Amino acid sequence: MSEKLRKILVMAAGVLVISAATVISGCRANISGTESDRMVEYTVICGDEIPEEFKKQINENKAKAMKLTYKDDEYLYIAEGFGTKETGGYSITVNQFYVKDKAMYFDTRLIAPDKGEKVSNQASYPYIVIKTELSEMPVVFE
């Protein structure tokens, strides 16, 4: 294998790893597009990006499955949580976020840690929060 080809493959692998880490970590992903239903642009947020009042609601409800929305003057925030899990290592992916029939549909999936993966033995409370344009449409959790 030539040196140039090897360098290209190494760089491509690095880009894939960084892209996957960004999506899995859930702290910055902008998604948009068009299909038969209009996909909605959003950003996955965490930490200080979550408004304090909404963060308080999330913390009060995180031990059980939750589906919450919050609006401020600029944005609509949507949170979905999956309750208490016995260990760490869980992640969440957004399958789809789209508008159809005057409602916003939010579809996520909880991903369990792989068998044999080293995870924290402490309880965890996996949830995801997204930020999108302010809207008066109802949010339907799928």
Protein backbone atom coordinates (compact mmCIF):
# COMPACT_ATOMS: atom_id res chain seq x y z
CA MET A 1 0.00 0.00 0.00
CA SER A 2 1.41 3.36 -0.94
CA GLU A 3 2.23 5.91 1.74
CA LYS A 4 -0.24 8.41 0.24
CA LEU A 5 -3.12 5.90 0.25
CA ARG A 6 -2.34 4.90 3.83
CA LYS A 7 -2.44 8.56 4.95
CA ILE A 8 -5.80 9.07 3.22
CA LEU A 9 -7.25 5.98 4.91
CA VAL A 10 -5.98 7.08 8.32
CA MET A 11 -7.48 10.56 7.86
CA ALA A 12 -10.82 9.10 6.68
CA ALA A 13 -10.94 6.80 9.70
CA GLY A 14 -10.23 9.77 11.98
CA VAL A 15 -13.06 11.78 10.45
CA LEU A 16 -15.47 8.85 10.92
CA VAL A 17 -14.47 8.44 14.57
CA ILE A 18 -14.90 12.16 15.29
CA SER A 19 -18.27 12.23 13.48
CA ALA A 20 -19.52 9.20 15.40
CA ALA A 21 -18.33 10.62 18.72
CA THR A 22 -20.15 13.90 18.07
CA VAL A 23 -23.44 12.17 17.31
CA ILE A 24 -23.16 9.68 20.18
CA SER A 25 -22.05 12.24 22.78
CA GLY A 26 -25.13 14.28 22.03
CA CYS A 27 -23.78 17.73 22.66
CA ARG A 28 -23.76 19.23 19.17
CA ALA A 29 -25.61 17.93 16.18
CA ASN A 30 -27.51 19.96 13.60
CA ILE A 31 -29.82 17.95 11.41
CA SER A 32 -32.08 19.12 8.61
CA GLY A 33 -33.37 17.87 5.33
CA THR A 34 -36.44 17.23 3.30
CA GLU A 35 -38.41 14.05 2.87
CA SER A 36 -42.11 13.45 2.41
CA ASP A 37 -42.53 15.12 5.79
CA ARG A 38 -40.53 18.24 6.56
CA MET A 39 -37.53 17.46 8.75
CA VAL A 40 -36.94 20.04 11.47
CA GLU A 41 -33.54 21.53 12.18
CA TYR A 42 -32.39 21.10 15.77
CA THR A 43 -29.35 21.11 18.01
CA VAL A 44 -28.69 18.53 20.73
CA ILE A 45 -27.62 20.45 23.83
CA CYS A 46 -26.29 19.66 27.29
CA GLY A 47 -24.92 21.29 30.42
CA ASP A 48 -25.06 25.08 30.62
CA GLU A 49 -26.87 25.30 27.28
CA ILE A 50 -30.06 24.01 28.94
CA PRO A 51 -32.08 26.84 30.53
CA GLU A 52 -31.91 26.65 34.34
CA GLU A 53 -35.68 26.39 34.82
CA PHE A 54 -35.88 23.50 32.32
CA LYS A 55 -32.84 21.81 33.89
CA LYS A 56 -34.66 21.92 37.23
CA GLN A 57 -37.75 20.22 35.68
CA ILE A 58 -35.53 17.55 34.14
CA ASN A 59 -33.74 16.85 37.43
CA GLU A 60 -37.08 16.55 39.25
CA ASN A 61 -38.35 14.01 36.70
CA LYS A 62 -35.24 12.11 35.54
CA ALA A 63 -35.79 9.04 37.75
CA LYS A 64 -38.79 8.01 35.65
CA ALA A 65 -39.47 8.06 31.92
CA MET A 66 -40.13 11.66 30.94
CA LYS A 67 -41.26 13.68 27.94
CA LEU A 68 -40.97 17.41 28.52
CA THR A 69 -41.09 20.63 26.52
CA TYR A 70 -40.04 24.14 27.48
CA LYS A 71 -40.22 27.48 25.66
CA ASP A 72 -38.39 30.72 26.18
CA ASP A 73 -38.52 33.88 24.07
CA GLU A 74 -36.38 32.36 21.30
CA TYR A 75 -36.46 28.57 21.31
CA LEU A 76 -38.44 25.41 21.94
CA TYR A 77 -36.61 22.81 24.03
CA ILE A 78 -37.61 19.16 24.05
CA ALA A 79 -36.37 16.53 26.50
CA GLU A 80 -36.93 12.81 26.60
CA GLY A 81 -35.60 10.62 29.37
CA PHE A 82 -35.66 6.90 29.96
CA GLY A 83 -35.73 6.71 33.75
CA THR A 84 -33.27 5.11 36.13
CA LYS A 85 -30.86 2.55 34.69
CA GLU A 86 -28.74 0.34 36.95
CA THR A 87 -25.46 1.25 35.22
CA GLY A 88 -23.89 3.90 33.02
CA GLY A 89 -22.97 3.46 29.39
CA TYR A 90 -26.31 4.31 27.79
CA SER A 91 -26.68 6.72 24.89
CA ILE A 92 -29.63 8.15 22.99
CA THR A 93 -30.06 8.86 19.32
CA VAL A 94 -32.65 11.00 17.57
CA ASN A 95 -34.21 8.84 14.87
CA GLN A 96 -36.39 11.59 13.42
CA PHE A 97 -37.70 15.06 14.21
CA TYR A 98 -40.22 16.28 11.68
CA VAL A 99 -43.43 18.24 11.08
CA LYS A 100 -46.56 16.55 9.79
CA ASP A 101 -50.21 17.55 10.02
CA LYS A 102 -49.50 20.66 12.13
CA ALA A 103 -47.56 18.77 14.82
CA MET A 104 -43.88 18.15 15.54
CA TYR A 105 -42.89 14.48 15.89
CA PHE A 106 -39.90 13.56 18.04
CA ASP A 107 -38.59 9.99 17.81
CA THR A 108 -35.60 8.81 19.85
CA ARG A 109 -34.00 5.49 20.74
CA LEU A 110 -32.15 4.41 23.86
CA ILE A 111 -28.97 2.46 23.12
CA ALA A 112 -27.77 0.09 25.83
CA PRO A 113 -24.06 -0.48 26.42
CA ASP A 114 -22.51 -3.36 24.50
CA LYS A 115 -22.12 -6.64 26.36
CA GLY A 116 -18.72 -6.69 28.00
CA GLU A 117 -18.34 -2.89 27.71
CA LYS A 118 -16.86 -1.35 30.84
CA VAL A 119 -19.47 0.93 32.39
CA SER A 120 -20.04 2.67 35.68
CA ASN A 121 -21.81 0.53 38.28
CA GLN A 122 -23.68 3.58 39.55
CA ALA A 123 -27.26 4.28 38.50
CA SER A 124 -27.66 6.61 35.53
CA TYR A 125 -30.52 8.68 34.16
CA PRO A 126 -30.14 8.84 30.37
CA TYR A 127 -31.95 11.72 28.69
CA ILE A 128 -31.55 13.93 25.65
CA VAL A 129 -32.38 17.61 25.17
CA ILE A 130 -32.75 19.37 21.84
CA LYS A 131 -33.21 23.03 20.95
CA THR A 132 -35.16 24.14 17.88
CA GLU A 133 -36.95 27.19 16.55
CA LEU A 134 -39.82 28.47 18.66
CA SER A 135 -43.11 26.91 17.55
CA GLU A 136 -46.67 26.74 18.82
CA MET A 137 -47.23 23.31 17.27
CA PRO A 138 -47.79 20.43 19.69
CA VAL A 139 -44.94 17.95 20.15
CA VAL A 140 -45.75 14.26 19.70
CA PHE A 141 -43.28 11.82 21.23
CA GLU A 142 -43.04 8.59 19.23
